[in-house]
């Protein structure tokens, strides 16, 4: 039949993406499977009756394969370990809801129903209508990602509010850095404080007493200029690495670079940590029960970093 010599794929309950792989492989090998099941010299009649699929089942798999393929692609990107993933959360979710899972006239009733249920589930899980959307860690990371900073997937009003939140965070970060530098003693040792000076507290130095308020306003203007310049900068290509971009542009946007280091390192899903547990389960088995905790840590570290 001139088909590729591929084995069939069986789905796994703990890996829902395997359903997509199973459907794609079955659709690819449909006529070979049908030929084997209809050949009585190969397949017994009782087995054929149990294994044969109706035409509507084959059609359903063929219709569902593209939708599942898109969801598989999204989860693969979100589960990355060596690349930034947290900042892709909302751009991908909004793209799925508004584009890839939107209703189409060509969709069968079952496919349309599946898309609707996935859209509703995504909206509920990601709390896209929540008042705390702008202050959530994924949204802050999205604004600090040079690929997504324009927030084109959000309505204009929500986008403006999110950018205002970024400015407030950058201002607070600059004030915190300045307050930490101002508490340095005469001997060069820095006294760490919990945050900016409280209202009514005594200035830490004569310079702070004389010029503190004036210079604070100037620093605030610097932060506004930095955030404005960052947002007006052309977005980075989607294929680029946010970490490499910040490494090159750290000096241009020092305050935002500090925030980017803090937020972009967050994993987008729990998959990386689950993979570590899987590696630990394969490392510590009944044949290696005398491994010390230190050696287990070393082996897992080498496995995940080489």
C-alpha atoms as a PDB file:
ATOM      1  CA  UNK A   1       0.000   0.000   0.000  1.00  0.00           C
ATOM      2  CA  UNK A   2       3.085   2.268  -0.063  1.00  0.00           C
ATOM      3  CA  UNK A   3       2.500   3.266   3.567  1.00  0.00           C
ATOM      4  CA  UNK A   4       5.370   4.010   5.965  1.00  0.00           C
ATOM      5  CA  UNK A   5       6.266   0.945   8.077  1.00  0.00           C
ATOM      6  CA  UNK A   6       5.160   2.411  11.403  1.00  0.00           C
ATOM      7  CA  UNK A   7       3.928   0.593  14.476  1.00  0.00           C
ATOM      8  CA  UNK A   8       0.597   1.512  16.012  1.00  0.00           C
ATOM      9  CA  UNK A   9       0.688   3.703  19.143  1.00  0.00           C
ATOM     10  CA  UNK A  10      -1.271   2.931  22.274  1.00  0.00           C
ATOM     11  CA  UNK A  11      -2.593   5.730  24.468  1.00  0.00           C
ATOM     12  CA  UNK A  12      -1.398   6.180  28.050  1.00  0.00           C
ATOM     13  CA  UNK A  13      -3.666   7.550  30.798  1.00  0.00           C
ATOM     14  CA  UNK A  14      -0.881   9.646  32.349  1.00  0.00           C
ATOM     15  CA  UNK A  15       0.087  11.211  28.999  1.00  0.00           C
ATOM     16  CA  UNK A  16      -3.010  12.619  27.302  1.00  0.00           C
ATOM     17  CA  UNK A  17      -0.911  13.699  24.295  1.00  0.00           C
ATOM     18  CA  UNK A  18      -0.610  10.004  23.478  1.00  0.00           C
ATOM     19  CA  UNK A  19      -4.268  10.081  22.368  1.00  0.00           C
ATOM     20  CA  UNK A  20      -3.274  12.545  19.645  1.00  0.00           C
ATOM     21  CA  UNK A  21      -0.368  10.300  18.598  1.00  0.00           C
ATOM     22  CA  UNK A  22      -2.653   7.249  18.587  1.00  0.00           C
ATOM     23  CA  UNK A  23      -5.264   8.957  16.403  1.00  0.00           C
ATOM     24  CA  UNK A  24      -2.692  10.257  13.914  1.00  0.00           C
ATOM     25  CA  UNK A  25      -1.038   6.854  13.557  1.00  0.00           C
ATOM     26  CA  UNK A  26      -4.349   5.041  13.160  1.00  0.00           C
ATOM     27  CA  UNK A  27      -5.513   7.477  10.481  1.00  0.00           C
ATOM     28  CA  UNK A  28      -2.178   7.050   8.699  1.00  0.00           C
ATOM     29  CA  UNK A  29      -2.393   3.234   8.790  1.00  0.00           C
ATOM     30  CA  UNK A  30      -6.183   2.981   8.344  1.00  0.00           C
ATOM     31  CA  UNK A  31      -6.234   0.905   5.156  1.00  0.00           C
ATOM     32  CA  UNK A  32      -3.423  -1.364   6.304  1.00  0.00           C
ATOM     33  CA  UNK A  33      -5.282  -2.024   9.573  1.00  0.00           C
ATOM     34  CA  UNK A  34      -8.537  -2.662   7.715  1.00  0.00           C
ATOM     35  CA  UNK A  35      -6.809  -5.046   5.320  1.00  0.00           C
ATOM     36  CA  UNK A  36      -5.271  -7.064   8.168  1.00  0.00           C
ATOM     37  CA  UNK A  37      -8.580  -7.269  10.051  1.00  0.00           C
ATOM     38  CA  UNK A  38     -10.451  -8.416   6.947  1.00  0.00           C
ATOM     39  CA  UNK A  39      -7.911 -11.143   6.093  1.00  0.00           C
ATOM     40  CA  UNK A  40      -9.163 -14.379   7.699  1.00  0.00           C
ATOM     41  CA  UNK A  41      -5.775 -16.029   7.230  1.00  0.00           C
ATOM     42  CA  UNK A  42      -4.329 -13.454   9.632  1.00  0.00           C
ATOM     43  CA  UNK A  43      -7.196 -12.350  11.893  1.00  0.00           C
ATOM     44  CA  UNK A  44      -9.896 -14.643  13.262  1.00  0.00           C
ATOM     45  CA  UNK A  45     -13.513 -13.601  12.750  1.00  0.00           C
ATOM     46  CA  UNK A  46     -14.134 -13.169  16.496  1.00  0.00           C
ATOM     47  CA  UNK A  47     -11.092 -10.893  16.829  1.00  0.00           C
ATOM     48  CA  UNK A  48     -12.041  -8.923  13.740  1.00  0.00           C
ATOM     49  CA  UNK A  49     -15.560  -8.257  15.056  1.00  0.00           C
ATOM     50  CA  UNK A  50     -14.058  -7.007  18.333  1.00  0.00           C
ATOM     51  CA  UNK A  51     -11.358  -4.838  16.764  1.00  0.00           C
ATOM     52  CA  UNK A  52     -12.990  -3.398  13.661  1.00  0.00           C
ATOM     53  CA  UNK A  53     -13.969   0.290  13.821  1.00  0.00           C
ATOM     54  CA  UNK A  54     -17.031   1.779  12.197  1.00  0.00           C
ATOM     55  CA  UNK A  55     -16.641   4.395   9.494  1.00  0.00           C
ATOM     56  CA  UNK A  56     -17.944   7.153  11.774  1.00  0.00           C
ATOM     57  CA  UNK A  57     -15.193   6.330  14.300  1.00  0.00           C
ATOM     58  CA  UNK A  58     -12.535   6.644  11.619  1.00  0.00           C
ATOM     59  CA  UNK A  59     -14.052   9.955  10.534  1.00  0.00           C
ATOM     60  CA  UNK A  60     -14.124  11.218  14.124  1.00  0.00           C
ATOM     61  CA  UNK A  61     -10.423  10.430  14.602  1.00  0.00           C
ATOM     62  CA  UNK A  62      -9.588  12.162  11.323  1.00  0.00           C
ATOM     63  CA  UNK A  63     -11.576  15.261  12.347  1.00  0.00           C
ATOM     64  CA  UNK A  64     -10.171  15.374  15.876  1.00  0.00           C
ATOM     65  CA  UNK A  65      -6.507  14.828  14.965  1.00  0.00           C
ATOM     66  CA  UNK A  66      -5.808  18.486  13.921  1.00  0.00           C
ATOM     67  CA  UNK A  67      -7.429  19.887  17.086  1.00  0.00           C
ATOM     68  CA  UNK A  68      -5.529  17.492  19.336  1.00  0.00           C
ATOM     69  CA  UNK A  69      -2.346  18.257  17.394  1.00  0.00           C
ATOM     70  CA  UNK A  70      -2.692  21.966  18.213  1.00  0.00           C
ATOM     71  CA  UNK A  71      -3.228  21.219  21.906  1.00  0.00           C
ATOM     72  CA  UNK A  72      -0.256  18.876  21.892  1.00  0.00           C
ATOM     73  CA  UNK A  73       1.918  21.609  20.390  1.00  0.00           C
ATOM     74  CA  UNK A  74       0.779  24.057  23.087  1.00  0.00           C
ATOM     75  CA  UNK A  75       1.503  21.682  25.964  1.00  0.00           C
ATOM     76  CA  UNK A  76       4.918  20.821  24.498  1.00  0.00           C
ATOM     77  CA  UNK A  77       5.897  24.502  24.439  1.00  0.00           C
ATOM     78  CA  UNK A  78       4.548  25.067  27.946  1.00  0.00           C
ATOM     79  CA  UNK A  79       6.436  22.044  29.319  1.00  0.00           C
ATOM     80  CA  UNK A  80       9.865  23.139  28.071  1.00  0.00           C
ATOM     81  CA  UNK A  81      12.741  22.929  30.552  1.00  0.00           C
ATOM     82  CA  UNK A  82      15.634  24.680  28.804  1.00  0.00           C
ATOM     83  CA  UNK A  83      13.597  27.662  27.563  1.00  0.00           C
ATOM     84  CA  UNK A  84      11.394  30.315  29.149  1.00  0.00           C
ATOM     85  CA  UNK A  85       7.863  28.921  29.482  1.00  0.00           C
ATOM     86  CA  UNK A  86       5.941  30.946  32.086  1.00  0.00           C
ATOM     87  CA  UNK A  87       5.623  33.983  29.778  1.00  0.00           C
ATOM     88  CA  UNK A  88       3.944  31.866  27.085  1.00  0.00           C
ATOM     89  CA  UNK A  89       1.015  30.959  29.336  1.00  0.00           C
ATOM     90  CA  UNK A  90      -1.488  33.687  28.502  1.00  0.00           C
ATOM     91  CA  UNK A  91      -0.451  34.345  24.879  1.00  0.00           C
ATOM     92  CA  UNK A  92      -0.931  30.660  24.064  1.00  0.00           C
ATOM     93  CA  UNK A  93      -4.153  30.322  26.061  1.00  0.00           C
ATOM     94  CA  UNK A  94      -5.757  33.365  24.441  1.00  0.00           C
ATOM     95  CA  UNK A  95      -4.596  32.191  21.007  1.00  0.00           C
ATOM     96  CA  UNK A  96      -6.191  28.788  21.597  1.00  0.00           C
ATOM     97  CA  UNK A  97      -9.450  30.277  22.865  1.00  0.00           C
ATOM     98  CA  UNK A  98      -9.807  33.009  20.228  1.00  0.00           C
ATOM     99  CA  UNK A  99      -8.311  31.298  17.167  1.00  0.00           C
ATOM    100  CA  UNK A 100      -7.512  27.590  17.199  1.00  0.00           C
ATOM    101  CA  UNK A 101     -10.542  26.491  19.228  1.00  0.00           C
ATOM    102  CA  UNK A 102     -13.038  28.904  17.712  1.00  0.00           C
ATOM    103  CA  UNK A 103     -16.092  27.420  16.031  1.00  0.00           C
ATOM    104  CA  UNK A 104     -15.909  26.711  12.318  1.00  0.00           C
ATOM    105  CA  UNK A 105     -18.619  25.906   9.773  1.00  0.00           C
ATOM    106  CA  UNK A 106     -16.627  22.857   8.693  1.00  0.00           C
ATOM    107  CA  UNK A 107     -16.591  21.326  12.192  1.00  0.00           C
ATOM    108  CA  UNK A 108     -18.707  18.296  12.882  1.00  0.00           C
ATOM    109  CA  UNK A 109     -21.070  18.493  15.894  1.00  0.00           C
ATOM    110  CA  UNK A 110     -18.744  16.391  18.059  1.00  0.00           C
ATOM    111  CA  UNK A 111     -15.664  18.457  17.176  1.00  0.00           C
ATOM    112  CA  UNK A 112     -17.549  21.706  17.819  1.00  0.00           C
ATOM    113  CA  UNK A 113     -18.710  20.386  21.205  1.00  0.00           C
ATOM    114  CA  UNK A 114     -15.161  19.326  22.085  1.00  0.00           C
ATOM    115  CA  UNK A 115     -13.769  22.772  21.197  1.00  0.00           C
ATOM    116  CA  UNK A 116     -16.402  24.504  23.287  1.00  0.00           C
ATOM    117  CA  UNK A 117     -15.690  22.375  26.354  1.00  0.00           C
ATOM    118  CA  UNK A 118     -11.923  22.933  26.059  1.00  0.00           C
ATOM    119  CA  UNK A 119     -12.433  26.696  25.668  1.00  0.00           C
ATOM    120  CA  UNK A 120     -14.618  26.826  28.766  1.00  0.00           C
ATOM    121  CA  UNK A 121     -12.142  24.740  30.738  1.00  0.00           C
ATOM    122  CA  UNK A 122      -9.198  26.928  29.755  1.00  0.00           C
ATOM    123  CA  UNK A 123     -11.069  30.109  30.619  1.00  0.00           C
ATOM    124  CA  UNK A 124     -12.049  28.752  34.020  1.00  0.00           C
ATOM    125  CA  UNK A 125      -8.636  27.339  34.912  1.00  0.00           C
ATOM    126  CA  UNK A 126      -6.654  30.383  33.773  1.00  0.00           C
ATOM    127  CA  UNK A 127      -9.117  32.863  35.344  1.00  0.00           C
ATOM    128  CA  UNK A 128      -8.986  35.143  32.309  1.00  0.00           C
ATOM    129  CA  UNK A 129     -11.917  37.192  33.653  1.00  0.00           C
ATOM    130  CA  UNK A 130     -10.364  37.641  37.104  1.00  0.00           C
ATOM    131  CA  UNK A 131      -9.601  41.084  38.527  1.00  0.00           C
ATOM    132  CA  UNK A 132      -6.176  39.784  39.570  1.00  0.00           C
ATOM    133  CA  UNK A 133      -5.141  38.907  36.027  1.00  0.00           C
ATOM    134  CA  UNK A 134      -2.663  41.800  35.716  1.00  0.00           C
ATOM    135  CA  UNK A 135      -0.884  40.961  38.964  1.00  0.00           C
ATOM    136  CA  UNK A 136      -0.568  37.216  38.351  1.00  0.00           C
ATOM    137  CA  UNK A 137       2.922  35.804  37.889  1.00  0.00           C
ATOM    138  CA  UNK A 138       2.312  34.548  34.304  1.00  0.00           C
ATOM    139  CA  UNK A 139       1.002  37.967  33.200  1.00  0.00           C
ATOM    140  CA  UNK A 140       3.931  39.844  34.773  1.00  0.00           C
ATOM    141  CA  UNK A 141       6.323  37.421  33.088  1.00  0.00           C
ATOM    142  CA  UNK A 142       4.496  37.994  29.794  1.00  0.00           C
ATOM    143  CA  UNK A 143       5.071  41.752  30.040  1.00  0.00           C
ATOM    144  CA  UNK A 144       8.754  41.126  30.787  1.00  0.00           C
ATOM    145  CA  UNK A 145       9.098  38.869  27.736  1.00  0.00           C
ATOM    146  CA  UNK A 146      10.249  41.043  24.790  1.00  0.00           C
ATOM    147  CA  UNK A 147       8.244  38.828  22.417  1.00  0.00           C
ATOM    148  CA  UNK A 148       4.885  39.372  24.136  1.00  0.00           C
ATOM    149  CA  UNK A 149       5.279  42.749  25.904  1.00  0.00           C
ATOM    150  CA  UNK A 150       2.788  44.474  23.568  1.00  0.00           C
ATOM    151  CA  UNK A 151       0.007  42.206  24.965  1.00  0.00           C
ATOM    152  CA  UNK A 152      -1.786  42.172  21.632  1.00  0.00           C
ATOM    153  CA  UNK A 153      -4.074  39.382  22.817  1.00  0.00           C
ATOM    154  CA  UNK A 154      -5.713  41.635  25.448  1.00  0.00           C
ATOM    155  CA  UNK A 155      -8.368  44.347  24.987  1.00  0.00           C
ATOM    156  CA  UNK A 156      -6.925  47.912  24.932  1.00  0.00           C
ATOM    157  CA  UNK A 157      -8.261  48.808  28.393  1.00  0.00           C
ATOM    158  CA  UNK A 158      -6.842  45.660  30.009  1.00  0.00           C
ATOM    159  CA  UNK A 159      -3.563  46.148  28.153  1.00  0.00           C
ATOM    160  CA  UNK A 160      -3.207  49.698  29.487  1.00  0.00           C
ATOM    161  CA  UNK A 161      -3.958  48.549  33.025  1.00  0.00           C
ATOM    162  CA  UNK A 162      -1.359  45.783  32.756  1.00  0.00           C
ATOM    163  CA  UNK A 163       1.314  48.195  31.567  1.00  0.00           C
ATOM    164  CA  UNK A 164       0.469  50.487  34.495  1.00  0.00           C
ATOM    165  CA  UNK A 165       1.024  47.542  36.819  1.00  0.00           C
ATOM    166  CA  UNK A 166       4.428  46.963  35.232  1.00  0.00           C
ATOM    167  CA  UNK A 167       5.350  50.622  35.826  1.00  0.00           C
ATOM    168  CA  UNK A 168       4.310  50.368  39.481  1.00  0.00           C
ATOM    169  CA  UNK A 169       6.413  47.246  39.958  1.00  0.00           C
ATOM    170  CA  UNK A 170       9.421  48.843  38.260  1.00  0.00           C
ATOM    171  CA  UNK A 171       9.071  51.951  40.449  1.00  0.00           C
ATOM    172  CA  UNK A 172       8.851  49.841  43.599  1.00  0.00           C
ATOM    173  CA  UNK A 173      11.889  47.842  42.500  1.00  0.00           C
ATOM    174  CA  UNK A 174      13.925  51.004  41.869  1.00  0.00           C
ATOM    175  CA  UNK A 175      12.890  52.438  45.250  1.00  0.00           C
ATOM    176  CA  UNK A 176      13.882  49.196  46.944  1.00  0.00           C
ATOM    177  CA  UNK A 177      17.306  49.212  45.283  1.00  0.00           C
ATOM    178  CA  UNK A 178      17.823  52.871  46.162  1.00  0.00           C
ATOM    179  CA  UNK A 179      16.742  52.338  49.772  1.00  0.00           C
ATOM    180  CA  UNK A 180      19.178  49.443  50.111  1.00  0.00           C
ATOM    181  CA  UNK A 181      22.024  51.536  48.731  1.00  0.00           C
ATOM    182  CA  UNK A 182      21.161  54.486  51.002  1.00  0.00           C
ATOM    183  CA  UNK A 183      21.506  52.375  54.156  1.00  0.00           C
ATOM    184  CA  UNK A 184      25.157  51.539  53.485  1.00  0.00           C
ATOM    185  CA  UNK A 185      27.256  52.424  56.519  1.00  0.00           C
ATOM    186  CA  UNK A 186      30.403  54.485  56.574  1.00  0.00           C
ATOM    187  CA  UNK A 187      32.464  51.303  56.822  1.00  0.00           C
ATOM    188  CA  UNK A 188      31.031  50.041  53.549  1.00  0.00           C
ATOM    189  CA  UNK A 189      28.775  47.394  55.096  1.00  0.00           C
ATOM    190  CA  UNK A 190      25.193  47.467  53.840  1.00  0.00           C
ATOM    191  CA  UNK A 191      22.339  47.367  56.311  1.00  0.00           C
ATOM    192  CA  UNK A 192      19.488  45.391  54.723  1.00  0.00           C
ATOM    193  CA  UNK A 193      16.018  46.815  55.218  1.00  0.00           C
ATOM    194  CA  UNK A 194      12.590  45.374  54.539  1.00  0.00           C
ATOM    195  CA  UNK A 195      11.743  48.083  51.999  1.00  0.00           C
ATOM    196  CA  UNK A 196      11.502  51.831  51.399  1.00  0.00           C
ATOM    197  CA  UNK A 197      11.602  54.213  54.352  1.00  0.00           C
ATOM    198  CA  UNK A 198       8.272  54.518  56.141  1.00  0.00           C
ATOM    199  CA  UNK A 199       6.512  57.851  56.429  1.00  0.00           C
ATOM    200  CA  UNK A 200       7.728  59.792  59.475  1.00  0.00           C
ATOM    201  CA  UNK A 201      10.970  57.843  59.831  1.00  0.00           C
ATOM    202  CA  UNK A 202      14.209  59.759  60.155  1.00  0.00           C
ATOM    203  CA  UNK A 203      16.424  60.074  57.043  1.00  0.00           C
ATOM    204  CA  UNK A 204      19.435  57.781  56.989  1.00  0.00           C
ATOM    205  CA  UNK A 205      21.869  60.566  56.060  1.00  0.00           C
ATOM    206  CA  UNK A 206      22.171  64.327  55.651  1.00  0.00           C
ATOM    207  CA  UNK A 207      21.997  63.989  51.859  1.00  0.00           C
ATOM    208  CA  UNK A 208      18.748  62.061  52.144  1.00  0.00           C
ATOM    209  CA  UNK A 209      17.356  64.763  54.422  1.00  0.00           C
ATOM    210  CA  UNK A 210      18.285  67.603  52.071  1.00  0.00           C
ATOM    211  CA  UNK A 211      17.736  66.063  48.623  1.00  0.00           C
ATOM    212  CA  UNK A 212      15.775  62.863  49.164  1.00  0.00           C
ATOM    213  CA  UNK A 213      12.366  63.996  47.912  1.00  0.00           C
ATOM    214  CA  UNK A 214      13.749  65.839  44.876  1.00  0.00           C
ATOM    215  CA  UNK A 215      15.914  62.960  43.757  1.00  0.00           C
ATOM    216  CA  UNK A 216      13.094  60.475  44.417  1.00  0.00           C
ATOM    217  CA  UNK A 217      10.925  62.306  41.862  1.00  0.00           C
ATOM    218  CA  UNK A 218      13.807  62.240  39.394  1.00  0.00           C
ATOM    219  CA  UNK A 219      14.266  58.507  39.853  1.00  0.00           C
ATOM    220  CA  UNK A 220      10.551  57.977  39.278  1.00  0.00           C
ATOM    221  CA  UNK A 221      10.855  59.829  35.978  1.00  0.00           C
ATOM    222  CA  UNK A 222      13.791  57.627  35.023  1.00  0.00           C
ATOM    223  CA  UNK A 223      11.716  54.498  35.625  1.00  0.00           C
ATOM    224  CA  UNK A 224       8.821  55.845  33.548  1.00  0.00           C
ATOM    225  CA  UNK A 225      11.232  56.630  30.734  1.00  0.00           C
ATOM    226  CA  UNK A 226      12.759  53.147  30.967  1.00  0.00           C
ATOM    227  CA  UNK A 227       9.395  51.373  30.875  1.00  0.00           C
ATOM    228  CA  UNK A 228       8.146  53.608  28.054  1.00  0.00           C
ATOM    229  CA  UNK A 229      11.278  52.974  26.002  1.00  0.00           C
ATOM    230  CA  UNK A 230      10.994  49.225  26.637  1.00  0.00           C
ATOM    231  CA  UNK A 231       7.371  49.092  25.502  1.00  0.00           C
ATOM    232  CA  UNK A 232       8.080  51.183  22.388  1.00  0.00           C
ATOM    233  CA  UNK A 233      11.007  48.984  21.392  1.00  0.00           C
ATOM    234  CA  UNK A 234      10.111  46.595  18.519  1.00  0.00           C
ATOM    235  CA  UNK A 235       9.034  43.160  19.813  1.00  0.00           C
ATOM    236  CA  UNK A 236      11.611  40.416  19.569  1.00  0.00           C
ATOM    237  CA  UNK A 237      10.988  37.629  17.012  1.00  0.00           C
ATOM    238  CA  UNK A 238       8.909  34.723  18.301  1.00  0.00           C
ATOM    239  CA  UNK A 239      11.777  32.316  17.618  1.00  0.00           C
ATOM    240  CA  UNK A 240      14.232  34.344  19.729  1.00  0.00           C
ATOM    241  CA  UNK A 241      15.241  33.590  23.312  1.00  0.00           C
ATOM    242  CA  UNK A 242      14.061  36.075  25.984  1.00  0.00           C
ATOM    243  CA  UNK A 243      17.072  35.294  28.167  1.00  0.00           C
ATOM    244  CA  UNK A 244      19.502  36.079  25.339  1.00  0.00           C
ATOM    245  CA  UNK A 245      17.585  39.294  24.592  1.00  0.00           C
ATOM    246  CA  UNK A 246      17.843  40.448  28.202  1.00  0.00           C
ATOM    247  CA  UNK A 247      21.525  39.556  28.320  1.00  0.00           C
ATOM    248  CA  UNK A 248      22.124  41.971  25.432  1.00  0.00           C
ATOM    249  CA  UNK A 249      19.722  44.712  26.635  1.00  0.00           C
ATOM    250  CA  UNK A 250      20.270  44.521  30.400  1.00  0.00           C
ATOM    251  CA  UNK A 251      22.162  47.814  30.507  1.00  0.00           C
ATOM    252  CA  UNK A 252      19.436  49.620  28.571  1.00  0.00           C
ATOM    253  CA  UNK A 253      16.701  48.526  30.980  1.00  0.00           C
ATOM    254  CA  UNK A 254      18.431  47.745  34.318  1.00  0.00           C
ATOM    255  CA  UNK A 255      15.330  47.874  36.526  1.00  0.00           C
ATOM    256  CA  UNK A 256      13.203  45.739  34.220  1.00  0.00           C
ATOM    257  CA  UNK A 257      16.111  43.333  33.770  1.00  0.00           C
ATOM    258  CA  UNK A 258      16.096  42.737  37.538  1.00  0.00           C
ATOM    259  CA  UNK A 259      12.388  41.898  37.405  1.00  0.00           C
ATOM    260  CA  UNK A 260      12.901  39.695  34.344  1.00  0.00           C
ATOM    261  CA  UNK A 261      15.512  37.612  36.174  1.00  0.00           C
ATOM    262  CA  UNK A 262      13.055  37.143  39.020  1.00  0.00           C
ATOM    263  CA  UNK A 263       9.981  36.144  37.002  1.00  0.00           C
ATOM    264  CA  UNK A 264      11.098  34.506  33.752  1.00  0.00           C
ATOM    265  CA  UNK A 265      12.863  31.660  35.574  1.00  0.00           C
ATOM    266  CA  UNK A 266       9.525  30.326  36.852  1.00  0.00           C
ATOM    267  CA  UNK A 267       8.433  27.071  35.124  1.00  0.00           C
ATOM    268  CA  UNK A 268       5.157  27.348  33.240  1.00  0.00           C
ATOM    269  CA  UNK A 269       3.929  23.903  34.363  1.00  0.00           C
ATOM    270  CA  UNK A 270       4.772  21.230  36.931  1.00  0.00           C
ATOM    271  CA  UNK A 271       6.119  18.928  34.199  1.00  0.00           C
ATOM    272  CA  UNK A 272       9.836  19.718  34.807  1.00  0.00           C
ATOM    273  CA  UNK A 273       9.539  18.839  38.509  1.00  0.00           C
ATOM    274  CA  UNK A 274       7.574  15.687  37.681  1.00  0.00           C
ATOM    275  CA  UNK A 275      10.364  14.660  35.316  1.00  0.00           C
ATOM    276  CA  UNK A 276      12.841  15.020  38.169  1.00  0.00           C
ATOM    277  CA  UNK A 277      10.733  12.666  40.303  1.00  0.00           C
ATOM    278  CA  UNK A 278      10.637  10.198  37.408  1.00  0.00           C
ATOM    279  CA  UNK A 279      14.434  10.316  37.122  1.00  0.00           C
ATOM    280  CA  UNK A 280      14.724   9.777  40.878  1.00  0.00           C
ATOM    281  CA  UNK A 281      12.436   6.738  40.643  1.00  0.00           C
ATOM    282  CA  UNK A 282      14.625   5.223  37.935  1.00  0.00           C
ATOM    283  CA  UNK A 283      17.824   6.043  39.829  1.00  0.00           C
ATOM    284  CA  UNK A 284      16.818   4.617  43.213  1.00  0.00           C
ATOM    285  CA  UNK A 285      15.584   1.065  42.643  1.00  0.00           C
ATOM    286  CA  UNK A 286      15.791  -2.290  44.396  1.00  0.00           C
ATOM    287  CA  UNK A 287      19.260  -2.938  42.935  1.00  0.00           C
ATOM    288  CA  UNK A 288      20.664   0.383  44.194  1.00  0.00           C
ATOM    289  CA  UNK A 289      19.202   0.663  47.682  1.00  0.00           C
ATOM    290  CA  UNK A 290      22.528   1.540  49.321  1.00  0.00           C
ATOM    291  CA  UNK A 291      22.929   4.849  47.513  1.00  0.00           C
ATOM    292  CA  UNK A 292      23.406   7.713  49.934  1.00  0.00           C
ATOM    293  CA  UNK A 293      21.256  10.851  49.611  1.00  0.00           C
ATOM    294  CA  UNK A 294      24.331  12.811  48.516  1.00  0.00           C
ATOM    295  CA  UNK A 295      25.059  10.369  45.700  1.00  0.00           C
ATOM    296  CA  UNK A 296      21.399  10.387  44.612  1.00  0.00           C
ATOM    297  CA  UNK A 297      21.485  14.173  44.398  1.00  0.00           C
ATOM    298  CA  UNK A 298      24.681  14.023  42.339  1.00  0.00           C
ATOM    299  CA  UNK A 299      23.285  11.439  39.916  1.00  0.00           C
ATOM    300  CA  UNK A 300      20.031  13.339  39.389  1.00  0.00           C
ATOM    301  CA  UNK A 301      21.932  16.605  38.922  1.00  0.00           C
ATOM    302  CA  UNK A 302      24.164  15.023  36.272  1.00  0.00           C
ATOM    303  CA  UNK A 303      21.175  13.430  34.551  1.00  0.00           C
ATOM    304  CA  UNK A 304      19.307  16.748  34.252  1.00  0.00           C
ATOM    305  CA  UNK A 305      22.274  18.969  33.378  1.00  0.00           C
ATOM    306  CA  UNK A 306      24.431  16.993  30.950  1.00  0.00           C
END
